[in-house]
Structures are given as structure tokens and as C-alpha cells.
């Protein structure tokens, strides 16, 4: 019997990050009756835009992309079935900082310009209210080095350490072996309209470092639907997606995590296992 009071909080930097990295896990635990909350730190105002007819939403033009992405995020949440969603500090409190070295990082509301202690306190307020046993965010490099992902990691680790309810903290990662297999399968096909990168082109984690593998095979359709909701950022096929860089990436039937804090026993295939 599945416990009724399992509570999970996912902390992500921008709309679409939740679906790309943890969409299947969100859908699985939501379907199993856990209380799943996603915290999004910015509106992703600096994202590149794929559909040409929406290009004028960008920060270089109308600067309305953040509001549009909020609606995409809500649609993704409906597809994944999460319990609730929060914006860190309230909607638009913090702005997408852009990639490292870009002028966006100098915006007064840029996430990376905010005081880390204040931001961690904002997240701590959410954790105290929701009392999750499990919290998920990125590793210390933010998965691929984006400054907002790194800041999301920093504030999550600081807040989780002070949250009495939190028993485990996980980092979401991509398996090197699974990514290589998925790319090889895509490369062998002739129906993928984008270039399939070499395995070394994508950020991955060595499999010996991965502690937890969550089977999402029964929830891949929900994950794919959530990915499609982020139409400004993603092109989505039957079992792959591409960002604005036009590199096809596989959607595996497992999502991967590294246990950063908390007991290891029982966590091999279940974020809540053994708790």
C-alpha cells in the first residue's frame, strides 16, 4: 500500500526545466497519490523562441515571453498532474539571468543578483509550509552550468538543511550510459529531422555516481505532453525533443538522480524508499 502522506518538492530554474529533467517523476508520484509541488525560480524571460510567429515575445522585442511561458508551465502542470506550483518569492519576483556573461545578468531582478540568503529564506518558507520529506534540484554545476540552475542548487541546499521535514535531497542528472544508448537509437533512424549529437556533446553523469533510477515508462506520455506544452522552447517528437539548438535528444523511460543528503537504504528505485 502506498503511503498517503508522501510529499515531494522540485526546485527548478525556468519553465520547461521541470518537464525536461523530472517530468516523468512528477507524473509518476502524482499518479501514485503523493503531494508534488514544483517551485520555479524565474519566468525564463531570456529564453530563445522557436516558433517564428512568437518571436516578438522575446526580451529583445516585446519582452512578454515570461508571461507566455507562465501559461506554458500551467499547461505542463496539467499534463503532469502535480498537486501545486509556486514561483519563488511570487510570480516574476526573480528574472531569468540568461547564460553566463550575457547582459541579462545585470537586470535589477536577475536571479543571480538577488541575495542568496533572501532567496533561500523564500524557499524555506515554502518547505516549512509544505513539509516535504524529499526535495529535488540540480547538482552544484546546475546540470550544465547555467547560472540560474547553479543558484537554484545553492538556495535549495541551504533551505533544505534548515527544513525539519526534509529527509532526502536529490540532484537530477542524466545518465551517461542511457544518453549514449538513446542517441545511438535515434542516430540509426531516418525520421528524426534534427542532428543527433555525439554522446559527449550533452551534459551527463557517470553511472557509477547515480544512486537512484526512477522508472517512468508508464508516464512517458504525460512527460511528452508536458514537453509539448513548452512550445516556445521545444520541438517534440514521438520519443525525442530538441531545444532551439536543433539537437535531438532522447526521452528515456527512466529518470536519474544522485542522493545528495539523507539515508541511502531503499532509495535505489524510489525517492521515498525506506522513509
Protein backbone atom coordinates (compact mmCIF):
# COMPACT_ATOMS: atom_id res chain seq x y z
CA UNK A 1 0.00 0.00 0.00
CA UNK A 2 1.35 3.43 -0.97
CA UNK A 3 1.67 5.85 1.96
CA UNK A 4 -0.83 8.69 1.77
CA UNK A 5 1.39 11.44 3.11
CA UNK A 6 4.38 11.41 0.79
CA UNK A 7 5.36 14.98 -0.04
CA UNK A 8 7.83 15.98 -2.74
CA UNK A 9 9.12 19.44 -3.75
CA UNK A 10 11.02 20.01 -7.00
CA UNK A 11 13.01 23.25 -7.36
CA UNK A 12 13.65 24.36 -10.94
CA UNK A 13 15.14 27.48 -12.51
CA UNK A 14 12.88 28.14 -15.52
CA UNK A 15 9.65 26.86 -17.05
CA UNK A 16 10.38 23.67 -19.08
CA UNK A 17 13.23 22.52 -16.79
CA UNK A 18 10.74 20.59 -14.69
CA UNK A 19 9.43 18.67 -17.70
CA UNK A 20 12.79 18.00 -19.35
CA UNK A 21 14.60 16.69 -16.30
CA UNK A 22 11.91 15.39 -13.95
CA UNK A 23 8.62 15.31 -15.86
CA UNK A 24 8.19 11.57 -15.64
CA UNK A 25 8.98 11.50 -11.94
CA UNK A 26 6.48 14.28 -11.27
CA UNK A 27 3.81 12.41 -13.24
CA UNK A 28 4.57 9.08 -11.55
CA UNK A 29 4.43 10.28 -7.97
CA UNK A 30 1.42 12.47 -8.68
CA UNK A 31 -0.41 9.48 -10.13
CA UNK A 32 0.53 7.43 -7.08
CA UNK A 33 -1.10 9.97 -4.77
CA UNK A 34 1.93 11.84 -3.47
CA UNK A 35 1.72 15.59 -2.94
CA UNK A 36 4.04 17.01 -5.59
CA UNK A 37 4.88 20.71 -5.73
CA UNK A 38 7.11 22.39 -8.30
CA UNK A 39 8.86 25.63 -7.36
CA UNK A 40 10.00 27.69 -10.36
CA UNK A 41 12.55 30.41 -9.67
CA UNK A 42 12.09 32.62 -12.77
CA UNK A 43 9.79 33.01 -15.76
CA UNK A 44 12.51 32.23 -18.30
CA UNK A 45 12.29 35.66 -19.89
CA UNK A 46 15.61 35.27 -21.72
CA UNK A 47 14.79 32.02 -23.50
CA UNK A 48 15.22 31.69 -27.24
CA UNK A 49 11.97 31.28 -29.17
CA UNK A 50 11.41 28.51 -31.70
CA UNK A 51 8.09 29.42 -33.44
CA UNK A 52 8.73 32.38 -35.78
CA UNK A 53 5.26 33.79 -35.20
CA UNK A 54 6.05 34.19 -31.48
CA UNK A 55 9.47 35.78 -31.91
CA UNK A 56 8.31 39.25 -30.89
CA UNK A 57 7.62 37.99 -27.38
CA UNK A 58 11.36 37.95 -26.75
CA UNK A 59 13.29 40.20 -24.40
CA UNK A 60 14.82 41.86 -27.47
CA UNK A 61 11.33 42.92 -28.64
CA UNK A 62 8.09 42.97 -26.64
CA UNK A 63 9.64 41.30 -23.57
CA UNK A 64 6.46 39.34 -22.95
CA UNK A 65 7.99 35.88 -23.08
CA UNK A 66 7.86 35.40 -19.31
CA UNK A 67 4.10 35.77 -19.17
CA UNK A 68 3.68 33.46 -22.13
CA UNK A 69 5.90 30.84 -20.54
CA UNK A 70 3.85 31.02 -17.37
CA UNK A 71 0.88 29.78 -19.40
CA UNK A 72 3.03 27.04 -20.92
CA UNK A 73 4.10 25.98 -17.44
CA UNK A 74 0.49 25.79 -16.26
CA UNK A 75 -0.34 23.56 -19.23
CA UNK A 76 2.64 21.34 -18.44
CA UNK A 77 1.47 21.07 -14.85
CA UNK A 78 -1.95 19.93 -16.01
CA UNK A 79 -0.33 17.25 -18.15
CA UNK A 80 1.86 16.02 -15.30
CA UNK A 81 -0.85 16.24 -12.65
CA UNK A 82 1.16 17.93 -9.94
CA UNK A 83 -0.55 18.98 -6.74
CA UNK A 84 0.57 22.60 -6.69
CA UNK A 85 3.04 25.10 -8.09
CA UNK A 86 4.87 28.09 -6.63
CA UNK A 87 7.06 30.84 -8.03
CA UNK A 88 9.95 31.62 -5.73
CA UNK A 89 9.04 34.84 -3.92
CA UNK A 90 5.89 35.17 -6.05
CA UNK A 91 5.46 35.34 -9.80
CA UNK A 92 8.13 37.48 -11.53
CA UNK A 93 9.93 38.21 -8.26
CA UNK A 94 13.12 36.98 -9.93
CA UNK A 95 14.06 37.29 -13.58
CA UNK A 96 15.91 34.88 -15.85
CA UNK A 97 19.59 35.82 -15.66
CA UNK A 98 20.46 34.46 -19.10
CA UNK A 99 23.57 32.47 -19.88
CA UNK A 100 26.84 33.33 -18.16
CA UNK A 101 28.36 36.57 -19.41
CA UNK A 102 25.22 37.98 -21.03
CA UNK A 103 23.81 41.46 -20.22
CA UNK A 104 20.66 39.87 -18.76
CA UNK A 105 22.60 39.10 -15.59
CA UNK A 106 22.74 42.85 -14.85
CA UNK A 107 18.96 43.27 -14.73
CA UNK A 108 17.89 44.52 -11.26
CA UNK A 109 15.69 41.46 -10.75
CA UNK A 110 18.12 38.92 -12.24
CA UNK A 111 18.04 35.77 -10.15
CA UNK A 112 21.80 35.70 -9.77
CA UNK A 113 21.84 39.30 -8.50
CA UNK A 114 19.48 38.51 -5.67
CA UNK A 115 20.76 37.92 -2.17
CA UNK A 116 21.23 34.18 -1.71
CA UNK A 117 20.09 34.30 1.92
CA UNK A 118 16.86 36.08 0.99
CA UNK A 119 16.13 33.59 -1.77
CA UNK A 120 16.87 30.60 0.44
CA UNK A 121 14.54 32.08 3.08
CA UNK A 122 11.80 32.35 0.46
CA UNK A 123 12.26 28.69 -0.37
CA UNK A 124 12.48 27.75 3.29
CA UNK A 125 9.06 29.34 3.82
CA UNK A 126 7.66 27.02 1.15
CA UNK A 127 9.34 23.97 2.70
CA UNK A 128 8.04 24.84 6.16
CA UNK A 129 4.52 25.18 4.78
CA UNK A 130 4.51 22.02 2.65
CA UNK A 131 6.74 19.85 4.87
CA UNK A 132 8.17 17.59 2.14
CA UNK A 133 10.20 14.55 3.03
CA UNK A 134 12.02 14.75 -0.32
CA UNK A 135 13.41 17.71 -2.25
CA UNK A 136 14.90 17.61 -5.75
CA UNK A 137 17.07 20.19 -7.54
CA UNK A 138 20.24 20.31 -9.69
CA UNK A 139 23.82 19.43 -8.85
CA UNK A 140 26.44 22.05 -7.96
CA UNK A 141 27.06 22.78 -11.66
CA UNK A 142 23.37 23.27 -12.31
CA UNK A 143 23.37 20.31 -14.68
CA UNK A 144 25.02 22.23 -17.49
CA UNK A 145 26.43 25.40 -15.98
CA UNK A 146 23.55 27.85 -16.33
CA UNK A 147 23.90 30.50 -13.60
CA UNK A 148 20.23 30.24 -12.61
CA UNK A 149 20.49 26.48 -12.23
CA UNK A 150 23.54 26.90 -10.03
CA UNK A 151 21.72 29.47 -7.90
CA UNK A 152 18.70 27.13 -7.64
CA UNK A 153 21.07 24.45 -6.35
CA UNK A 154 22.63 26.81 -3.84
CA UNK A 155 19.40 28.07 -2.33
CA UNK A 156 17.85 24.60 -2.25
CA UNK A 157 20.76 23.08 -0.38
CA UNK A 158 20.74 25.98 2.09
CA UNK A 159 16.98 25.83 2.66
CA UNK A 160 16.72 22.03 2.86
CA UNK A 161 19.40 21.91 5.53
CA UNK A 162 17.17 24.05 7.76
CA UNK A 163 13.85 22.38 6.94
CA UNK A 164 12.97 19.88 9.65
CA UNK A 165 10.72 17.76 7.45
CA UNK A 166 13.31 17.06 4.73
CA UNK A 167 14.87 13.60 4.95
CA UNK A 168 16.44 13.44 1.49
CA UNK A 169 17.75 15.83 -1.14
CA UNK A 170 18.37 14.56 -4.67
CA UNK A 171 20.10 16.08 -7.68
CA UNK A 172 18.52 15.38 -11.06
CA UNK A 173 21.10 14.17 -13.60
CA UNK A 174 21.39 12.48 -16.99
CA UNK A 175 22.90 9.02 -17.17
CA UNK A 176 25.93 8.82 -19.47
CA UNK A 177 25.09 5.25 -20.49
CA UNK A 178 21.37 5.83 -21.06
CA UNK A 179 22.05 9.01 -23.02
CA UNK A 180 24.57 7.23 -25.26
CA UNK A 181 22.12 4.37 -25.90
CA UNK A 182 19.27 6.73 -26.66
CA UNK A 183 21.34 8.83 -29.04
CA UNK A 184 22.57 5.73 -30.86
CA UNK A 185 18.99 4.60 -31.34
CA UNK A 186 17.97 8.00 -32.71
CA UNK A 187 21.03 8.07 -34.98
CA UNK A 188 20.02 4.75 -36.54
CA UNK A 189 16.66 6.14 -37.65
CA UNK A 190 15.74 8.25 -40.67
CA UNK A 191 12.67 10.00 -39.23
CA UNK A 192 14.43 12.44 -36.86
CA UNK A 193 14.56 15.87 -38.57
CA UNK A 194 17.43 17.26 -36.47
CA UNK A 195 21.06 16.39 -36.00
CA UNK A 196 21.67 13.75 -33.36
CA UNK A 197 24.68 14.83 -31.31
CA UNK A 198 27.54 12.68 -30.16
CA UNK A 199 27.12 11.46 -26.59
CA UNK A 200 29.94 13.72 -25.39
CA UNK A 201 28.11 16.84 -26.59
CA UNK A 202 25.43 16.56 -23.90
CA UNK A 203 25.97 17.01 -20.15
CA UNK A 204 25.80 13.65 -18.40
CA UNK A 205 26.82 12.00 -15.14
CA UNK A 206 28.92 8.84 -14.86
CA UNK A 207 26.64 5.97 -13.98
CA UNK A 208 28.69 4.84 -11.01
CA UNK A 209 27.73 8.13 -9.34
CA UNK A 210 24.00 7.67 -9.89
CA UNK A 211 22.22 6.41 -6.80
CA UNK A 212 18.57 6.33 -7.88
CA UNK A 213 16.77 5.26 -11.04
CA UNK A 214 13.05 6.03 -11.24
CA UNK A 215 11.06 4.03 -13.79
CA UNK A 216 8.79 6.43 -15.70
CA UNK A 217 7.82 4.10 -18.55
CA UNK A 218 4.14 4.22 -17.58
CA UNK A 219 4.26 8.03 -17.56
CA UNK A 220 6.29 8.90 -20.66
CA UNK A 221 3.16 10.06 -22.50
CA UNK A 222 2.47 12.56 -19.71
CA UNK A 223 6.07 13.76 -19.87
CA UNK A 224 5.89 14.15 -23.65
CA UNK A 225 2.62 16.09 -23.34
CA UNK A 226 4.28 18.41 -20.82
CA UNK A 227 7.24 18.91 -23.14
CA UNK A 228 4.87 19.82 -25.98
CA UNK A 229 3.23 22.42 -23.74
CA UNK A 230 6.51 24.37 -23.80
CA UNK A 231 6.08 25.26 -27.46
CA UNK A 232 8.32 28.34 -27.39
CA UNK A 233 11.28 26.31 -26.18
CA UNK A 234 10.96 22.78 -27.52
CA UNK A 235 10.24 20.75 -30.62
CA UNK A 236 8.92 17.35 -29.57
CA UNK A 237 8.69 14.10 -31.50
CA UNK A 238 7.32 10.69 -30.57
CA UNK A 239 10.26 9.86 -28.30
CA UNK A 240 12.68 12.78 -28.61
CA UNK A 241 12.86 16.54 -28.18
CA UNK A 242 15.05 19.38 -29.36
CA UNK A 243 15.81 22.77 -27.90
CA UNK A 244 16.46 25.81 -30.05
CA UNK A 245 19.92 24.38 -30.80
CA UNK A 246 18.19 21.81 -33.03
CA UNK A 247 19.94 18.84 -31.43
CA UNK A 248 17.69 15.80 -30.99
CA UNK A 249 17.73 14.28 -27.51
CA UNK A 250 16.08 11.02 -26.43
CA UNK A 251 13.35 10.76 -23.83
CA UNK A 252 14.32 7.66 -21.82
CA UNK A 253 11.95 5.55 -19.76
CA UNK A 254 14.00 6.20 -16.62
CA UNK A 255 14.94 9.40 -14.81
CA UNK A 256 18.16 9.53 -12.84
CA UNK A 257 19.16 11.09 -9.54
CA UNK A 258 22.10 11.40 -7.20
CA UNK A 259 21.32 11.31 -3.50
CA UNK A 260 22.94 14.42 -2.03
CA UNK A 261 21.65 14.19 1.54
CA UNK A 262 19.83 11.58 3.57
CA UNK A 263 19.74 7.80 4.01
CA UNK A 264 20.68 5.63 1.04
CA UNK A 265 18.84 2.47 2.10
CA UNK A 266 15.74 1.92 -0.02
CA UNK A 267 16.45 4.75 -2.45
CA UNK A 268 17.73 2.73 -5.42
CA UNK A 269 14.47 2.96 -7.38
CA UNK A 270 12.23 5.17 -5.23
CA UNK A 271 12.83 8.70 -3.96
CA UNK A 272 10.80 7.81 -0.87
CA UNK A 273 12.03 4.23 -0.50
CA UNK A 274 12.74 3.26 3.09
CA UNK A 275 11.47 6.50 4.60
